[in-house]
Amino acid sequence: MSPEYCLVLSTCPVGDTATNLARLLVQERLAACVNVLPGLTSIYPWQGAIESSQEALLLIKTEKALYTRLETRLREQHPYELPEIVVIPVERALPDYLQWISQWLHDTPSP
């Protein structure tokens, strides 16, 4: 049975925070690729007020089987009290790309 894949979205502060989170998830093989998209303006209600923040969006590519571990690690490292973590199932993608994702996630790193 082939693995199922998902795209995880998470917003975070721009700058080092976004880059460090992305690098951590890839280094720990919880994600094969994380795109960091800076330049977002998020408008949202928080603690009785309408807030506005400059953020980066992380597009995290992984397998569904790793989601729980990824979510736990992201929550541990995320600076927000309530981080945005949204999962979108991948219905279809280039098979070679999906194979590349799985290869990174499951190959044993070299010593």
N, C-alpha and C. Protein backbone atom coordinates (compact mmCIF):
# COMPACT_ATOMS: atom_id res chain seq x y z
N MET A 1 0.85 -1.18 0.00
CA MET A 1 0.00 0.00 0.00
C MET A 1 0.89 1.24 0.00
N SER A 2 0.64 2.14 -0.91
CA SER A 2 1.46 3.35 -1.00
C SER A 2 1.03 4.36 0.06
N PRO A 3 1.97 5.21 0.48
CA PRO A 3 1.64 6.19 1.51
C PRO A 3 0.68 7.25 0.99
N GLU A 4 -0.02 7.88 1.92
CA GLU A 4 -0.87 9.02 1.60
C GLU A 4 -0.10 10.27 1.99
N TYR A 5 -0.30 11.34 1.24
CA TYR A 5 0.46 12.56 1.43
C TYR A 5 -0.46 13.70 1.84
N CYS A 6 0.15 14.72 2.44
CA CYS A 6 -0.63 15.91 2.80
C CYS A 6 0.26 17.14 2.75
N LEU A 7 -0.41 18.27 2.66
CA LEU A 7 0.22 19.58 2.70
C LEU A 7 -0.26 20.22 3.99
N VAL A 8 0.68 20.63 4.82
CA VAL A 8 0.35 21.27 6.10
C VAL A 8 0.67 22.76 5.97
N LEU A 9 -0.30 23.58 6.34
CA LEU A 9 -0.13 25.03 6.31
C LEU A 9 0.03 25.55 7.72
N SER A 10 0.98 26.46 7.91
CA SER A 10 1.16 27.09 9.21
C SER A 10 1.72 28.49 9.01
N THR A 11 1.11 29.46 9.66
CA THR A 11 1.64 30.82 9.62
C THR A 11 2.53 31.04 10.83
N CYS A 12 3.52 31.91 10.67
CA CYS A 12 4.43 32.23 11.77
C CYS A 12 5.06 33.59 11.50
N PRO A 13 5.76 34.14 12.49
CA PRO A 13 6.42 35.42 12.27
C PRO A 13 7.43 35.32 11.13
N VAL A 14 7.59 36.40 10.41
CA VAL A 14 8.56 36.41 9.32
C VAL A 14 9.98 36.40 9.88
N GLY A 15 10.93 36.07 9.04
CA GLY A 15 12.34 36.12 9.45
C GLY A 15 12.85 34.78 9.92
N ASP A 16 13.72 34.83 10.91
CA ASP A 16 14.41 33.64 11.39
C ASP A 16 13.46 32.57 11.91
N THR A 17 12.36 32.97 12.52
CA THR A 17 11.42 31.99 13.07
C THR A 17 10.92 31.06 11.98
N ALA A 18 10.46 31.62 10.87
CA ALA A 18 9.93 30.81 9.78
C ALA A 18 11.00 29.90 9.19
N THR A 19 12.17 30.45 8.95
CA THR A 19 13.26 29.68 8.37
C THR A 19 13.71 28.57 9.31
N ASN A 20 13.82 28.89 10.60
CA ASN A 20 14.26 27.89 11.57
C ASN A 20 13.26 26.76 11.72
N LEU A 21 11.97 27.08 11.74
CA LEU A 21 10.94 26.04 11.81
C LEU A 21 11.01 25.13 10.58
N ALA A 22 11.13 25.74 9.41
CA ALA A 22 11.20 24.97 8.17
C ALA A 22 12.40 24.04 8.18
N ARG A 23 13.55 24.57 8.54
CA ARG A 23 14.78 23.78 8.55
C ARG A 23 14.68 22.62 9.55
N LEU A 24 14.13 22.88 10.72
CA LEU A 24 13.97 21.86 11.75
C LEU A 24 13.12 20.69 11.26
N LEU A 25 11.99 21.00 10.63
CA LEU A 25 11.08 19.94 10.15
C LEU A 25 11.73 19.08 9.08
N VAL A 26 12.53 19.69 8.21
CA VAL A 26 13.21 18.92 7.17
C VAL A 26 14.37 18.12 7.77
N GLN A 27 15.16 18.75 8.65
CA GLN A 27 16.29 18.04 9.26
C GLN A 27 15.83 16.83 10.05
N GLU A 28 14.69 16.94 10.72
CA GLU A 28 14.18 15.83 11.53
C GLU A 28 13.35 14.83 10.71
N ARG A 29 13.33 15.05 9.40
CA ARG A 29 12.62 14.17 8.46
C ARG A 29 11.14 14.02 8.77
N LEU A 30 10.55 15.11 9.23
CA LEU A 30 9.10 15.18 9.40
C LEU A 30 8.47 15.79 8.17
N ALA A 31 9.28 16.45 7.36
CA ALA A 31 8.84 17.04 6.09
C ALA A 31 9.96 16.86 5.08
N ALA A 32 9.58 16.73 3.81
CA ALA A 32 10.57 16.62 2.76
C ALA A 32 10.90 17.99 2.19
N CYS A 33 9.97 18.92 2.29
CA CYS A 33 10.17 20.25 1.75
C CYS A 33 9.23 21.20 2.49
N VAL A 34 9.75 22.38 2.80
CA VAL A 34 8.91 23.43 3.38
C VAL A 34 9.18 24.71 2.60
N ASN A 35 8.15 25.23 1.98
CA ASN A 35 8.26 26.53 1.31
C ASN A 35 7.92 27.61 2.32
N VAL A 36 8.74 28.65 2.38
CA VAL A 36 8.49 29.78 3.27
C VAL A 36 8.06 30.95 2.39
N LEU A 37 6.80 31.34 2.53
CA LEU A 37 6.25 32.44 1.73
C LEU A 37 6.07 33.66 2.63
N PRO A 38 6.99 34.61 2.57
CA PRO A 38 6.87 35.81 3.40
C PRO A 38 5.89 36.81 2.78
N GLY A 39 5.59 37.84 3.53
CA GLY A 39 4.81 38.94 2.96
C GLY A 39 3.31 38.82 3.14
N LEU A 40 2.84 37.97 4.03
CA LEU A 40 1.40 37.86 4.28
C LEU A 40 0.97 38.88 5.32
N THR A 41 -0.20 39.41 5.13
CA THR A 41 -0.84 40.18 6.19
C THR A 41 -2.04 39.37 6.65
N SER A 42 -2.03 39.00 7.91
CA SER A 42 -3.13 38.23 8.48
C SER A 42 -3.97 39.15 9.37
N ILE A 43 -5.28 39.07 9.18
CA ILE A 43 -6.23 39.84 9.99
C ILE A 43 -7.15 38.84 10.65
N TYR A 44 -7.25 38.91 11.99
CA TYR A 44 -7.95 37.87 12.74
C TYR A 44 -8.40 38.41 14.10
N PRO A 45 -9.45 37.81 14.67
CA PRO A 45 -9.86 38.20 16.02
C PRO A 45 -8.99 37.49 17.05
N TRP A 46 -8.55 38.21 18.08
CA TRP A 46 -7.77 37.60 19.14
C TRP A 46 -7.99 38.36 20.43
N GLN A 47 -8.45 37.67 21.43
CA GLN A 47 -8.67 38.22 22.77
C GLN A 47 -9.48 39.51 22.74
N GLY A 48 -10.60 39.47 21.98
CA GLY A 48 -11.54 40.58 21.96
C GLY A 48 -11.22 41.72 21.02
N ALA A 49 -10.15 41.61 20.26
CA ALA A 49 -9.78 42.69 19.33
C ALA A 49 -9.50 42.11 17.95
N ILE A 50 -9.62 42.94 16.94
CA ILE A 50 -9.23 42.55 15.58
C ILE A 50 -7.75 42.91 15.43
N GLU A 51 -6.95 41.91 15.18
CA GLU A 51 -5.50 42.07 15.09
C GLU A 51 -5.04 42.01 13.64
N SER A 52 -3.87 42.52 13.39
CA SER A 52 -3.24 42.46 12.08
C SER A 52 -1.76 42.17 12.29
N SER A 53 -1.23 41.17 11.57
CA SER A 53 0.17 40.78 11.73
C SER A 53 0.80 40.51 10.37
N GLN A 54 2.09 40.83 10.26
CA GLN A 54 2.87 40.44 9.10
C GLN A 54 3.42 39.05 9.40
N GLU A 55 3.16 38.12 8.50
CA GLU A 55 3.54 36.73 8.75
C GLU A 55 4.14 36.09 7.51
N ALA A 56 4.67 34.89 7.73
CA ALA A 56 5.11 34.02 6.64
C ALA A 56 4.22 32.78 6.69
N LEU A 57 3.98 32.21 5.54
CA LEU A 57 3.21 30.97 5.45
C LEU A 57 4.17 29.83 5.14
N LEU A 58 4.10 28.78 5.94
CA LEU A 58 4.87 27.58 5.67
C LEU A 58 3.98 26.59 4.93
N LEU A 59 4.46 26.10 3.79
CA LEU A 59 3.81 25.03 3.04
C LEU A 59 4.66 23.78 3.25
N ILE A 60 4.16 22.86 4.05
CA ILE A 60 4.93 21.72 4.53
C ILE A 60 4.46 20.45 3.82
N LYS A 61 5.37 19.78 3.11
CA LYS A 61 5.03 18.55 2.38
C LYS A 61 5.47 17.34 3.18
N THR A 62 4.52 16.43 3.45
CA THR A 62 4.82 15.26 4.26
C THR A 62 3.85 14.14 3.95
N GLU A 63 3.99 13.04 4.69
CA GLU A 63 3.05 11.92 4.60
C GLU A 63 2.06 12.02 5.75
N LYS A 64 0.84 11.59 5.51
CA LYS A 64 -0.19 11.62 6.56
C LYS A 64 0.24 10.84 7.80
N ALA A 65 0.96 9.76 7.60
CA ALA A 65 1.39 8.93 8.73
C ALA A 65 2.33 9.68 9.69
N LEU A 66 2.98 10.72 9.21
CA LEU A 66 3.90 11.49 10.05
C LEU A 66 3.25 12.74 10.64
N TYR A 67 1.99 12.99 10.30
CA TYR A 67 1.35 14.23 10.72
C TYR A 67 1.35 14.44 12.23
N THR A 68 1.00 13.45 13.01
CA THR A 68 0.91 13.63 14.46
C THR A 68 2.26 14.04 15.04
N ARG A 69 3.32 13.41 14.61
CA ARG A 69 4.67 13.79 15.08
C ARG A 69 5.03 15.19 14.63
N LEU A 70 4.70 15.51 13.38
CA LEU A 70 4.98 16.85 12.86
C LEU A 70 4.21 17.91 13.67
N GLU A 71 2.93 17.65 13.92
CA GLU A 71 2.13 18.60 14.69
C GLU A 71 2.70 18.82 16.09
N THR A 72 3.09 17.73 16.74
CA THR A 72 3.66 17.84 18.08
C THR A 72 4.92 18.69 18.06
N ARG A 73 5.81 18.42 17.12
CA ARG A 73 7.09 19.16 17.03
C ARG A 73 6.84 20.62 16.68
N LEU A 74 5.92 20.88 15.77
CA LEU A 74 5.61 22.25 15.38
C LEU A 74 5.04 23.03 16.57
N ARG A 75 4.15 22.41 17.32
CA ARG A 75 3.58 23.09 18.50
C ARG A 75 4.65 23.36 19.56
N GLU A 76 5.59 22.43 19.72
CA GLU A 76 6.68 22.62 20.69
C GLU A 76 7.55 23.81 20.34
N GLN A 77 7.80 24.01 19.06
CA GLN A 77 8.75 25.03 18.61
C GLN A 77 8.11 26.34 18.17
N HIS A 78 6.81 26.34 17.98
CA HIS A 78 6.12 27.51 17.44
C HIS A 78 5.99 28.59 18.51
N PRO A 79 6.23 29.85 18.15
CA PRO A 79 6.16 30.92 19.15
C PRO A 79 4.73 31.35 19.50
N TYR A 80 3.75 30.98 18.71
CA TYR A 80 2.38 31.42 18.97
C TYR A 80 1.71 30.55 20.03
N GLU A 81 0.88 31.17 20.83
CA GLU A 81 0.09 30.46 21.83
C GLU A 81 -0.86 29.46 21.15
N LEU A 82 -1.44 29.88 20.03
CA LEU A 82 -2.34 29.03 19.25
C LEU A 82 -1.90 29.09 17.78
N PRO A 83 -0.99 28.21 17.37
CA PRO A 83 -0.51 28.27 15.99
C PRO A 83 -1.56 27.75 15.01
N GLU A 84 -1.54 28.32 13.84
CA GLU A 84 -2.36 27.80 12.75
C GLU A 84 -1.67 26.56 12.20
N ILE A 85 -2.37 25.44 12.23
CA ILE A 85 -1.87 24.20 11.63
C ILE A 85 -3.05 23.56 10.93
N VAL A 86 -3.03 23.59 9.61
CA VAL A 86 -4.14 23.10 8.79
C VAL A 86 -3.58 22.05 7.83
N VAL A 87 -4.27 20.92 7.74
CA VAL A 87 -3.83 19.83 6.88
C VAL A 87 -4.74 19.72 5.66
N ILE A 88 -4.12 19.64 4.50
CA ILE A 88 -4.85 19.46 3.24
C ILE A 88 -4.37 18.16 2.61
N PRO A 89 -5.26 17.19 2.41
CA PRO A 89 -4.82 15.94 1.78
C PRO A 89 -4.43 16.17 0.32
N VAL A 90 -3.42 15.46 -0.11
CA VAL A 90 -3.00 15.53 -1.51
C VAL A 90 -3.74 14.42 -2.25
N GLU A 91 -4.61 14.80 -3.15
CA GLU A 91 -5.36 13.81 -3.92
C GLU A 91 -4.57 13.26 -5.08
N ARG A 92 -3.74 14.12 -5.66
CA ARG A 92 -3.00 13.70 -6.83
C ARG A 92 -1.77 14.59 -6.97
N ALA A 93 -0.66 13.98 -7.41
CA ALA A 93 0.58 14.73 -7.63
C ALA A 93 1.48 13.90 -8.55
N LEU A 94 2.50 14.53 -9.03
CA LEU A 94 3.47 13.86 -9.88
C LEU A 94 4.06 12.68 -9.10
N PRO A 95 3.91 11.45 -9.59
CA PRO A 95 4.39 10.27 -8.85
C PRO A 95 5.87 10.35 -8.46
N ASP A 96 6.70 10.85 -9.35
CA ASP A 96 8.13 10.95 -9.03
C ASP A 96 8.37 11.92 -7.87
N TYR A 97 7.58 12.98 -7.78
CA TYR A 97 7.72 13.93 -6.67
C TYR A 97 7.31 13.26 -5.36
N LEU A 98 6.22 12.52 -5.38
CA LEU A 98 5.77 11.81 -4.18
C LEU A 98 6.81 10.78 -3.74
N GLN A 99 7.40 10.11 -4.68
CA GLN A 99 8.44 9.15 -4.37
C GLN A 99 9.64 9.85 -3.71
N TRP A 100 9.99 11.02 -4.21
CA TRP A 100 11.08 11.81 -3.64
C TRP A 100 10.77 12.19 -2.19
N ILE A 101 9.52 12.58 -1.91
CA ILE A 101 9.11 12.90 -0.55
C ILE A 101 9.34 11.69 0.36
N SER A 102 8.81 10.55 -0.04
CA SER A 102 8.93 9.34 0.78
C SER A 102 10.38 8.92 0.97
N GLN A 103 11.16 9.06 -0.07
CA GLN A 103 12.57 8.67 0.03
C GLN A 103 13.25 9.50 1.11
N TRP A 104 13.04 10.81 1.14
CA TRP A 104 13.66 11.66 2.15
C TRP A 104 13.15 11.30 3.55
N LEU A 105 11.86 11.08 3.66
CA LEU A 105 11.26 10.85 4.97
C LEU A 105 11.69 9.52 5.58
N HIS A 106 12.04 8.53 4.74
CA HIS A 106 12.28 7.20 5.26
C HIS A 106 13.71 6.69 5.10
N ASP A 107 14.52 7.32 4.28
CA ASP A 107 15.91 6.88 4.15
C ASP A 107 16.66 7.20 5.44
N THR A 108 17.53 6.29 5.83
CA THR A 108 18.33 6.52 7.02
C THR A 108 19.43 7.52 6.68
N PRO A 109 19.56 8.57 7.49
CA PRO A 109 20.61 9.55 7.20
C PRO A 109 22.01 8.94 7.35
N SER A 110 22.93 9.46 6.59
CA SER A 110 24.33 9.00 6.69
C SER A 110 24.93 9.49 8.00
N PRO A 111 25.82 8.68 8.60
CA PRO A 111 26.46 9.10 9.88
C PRO A 111 27.39 10.26 9.70
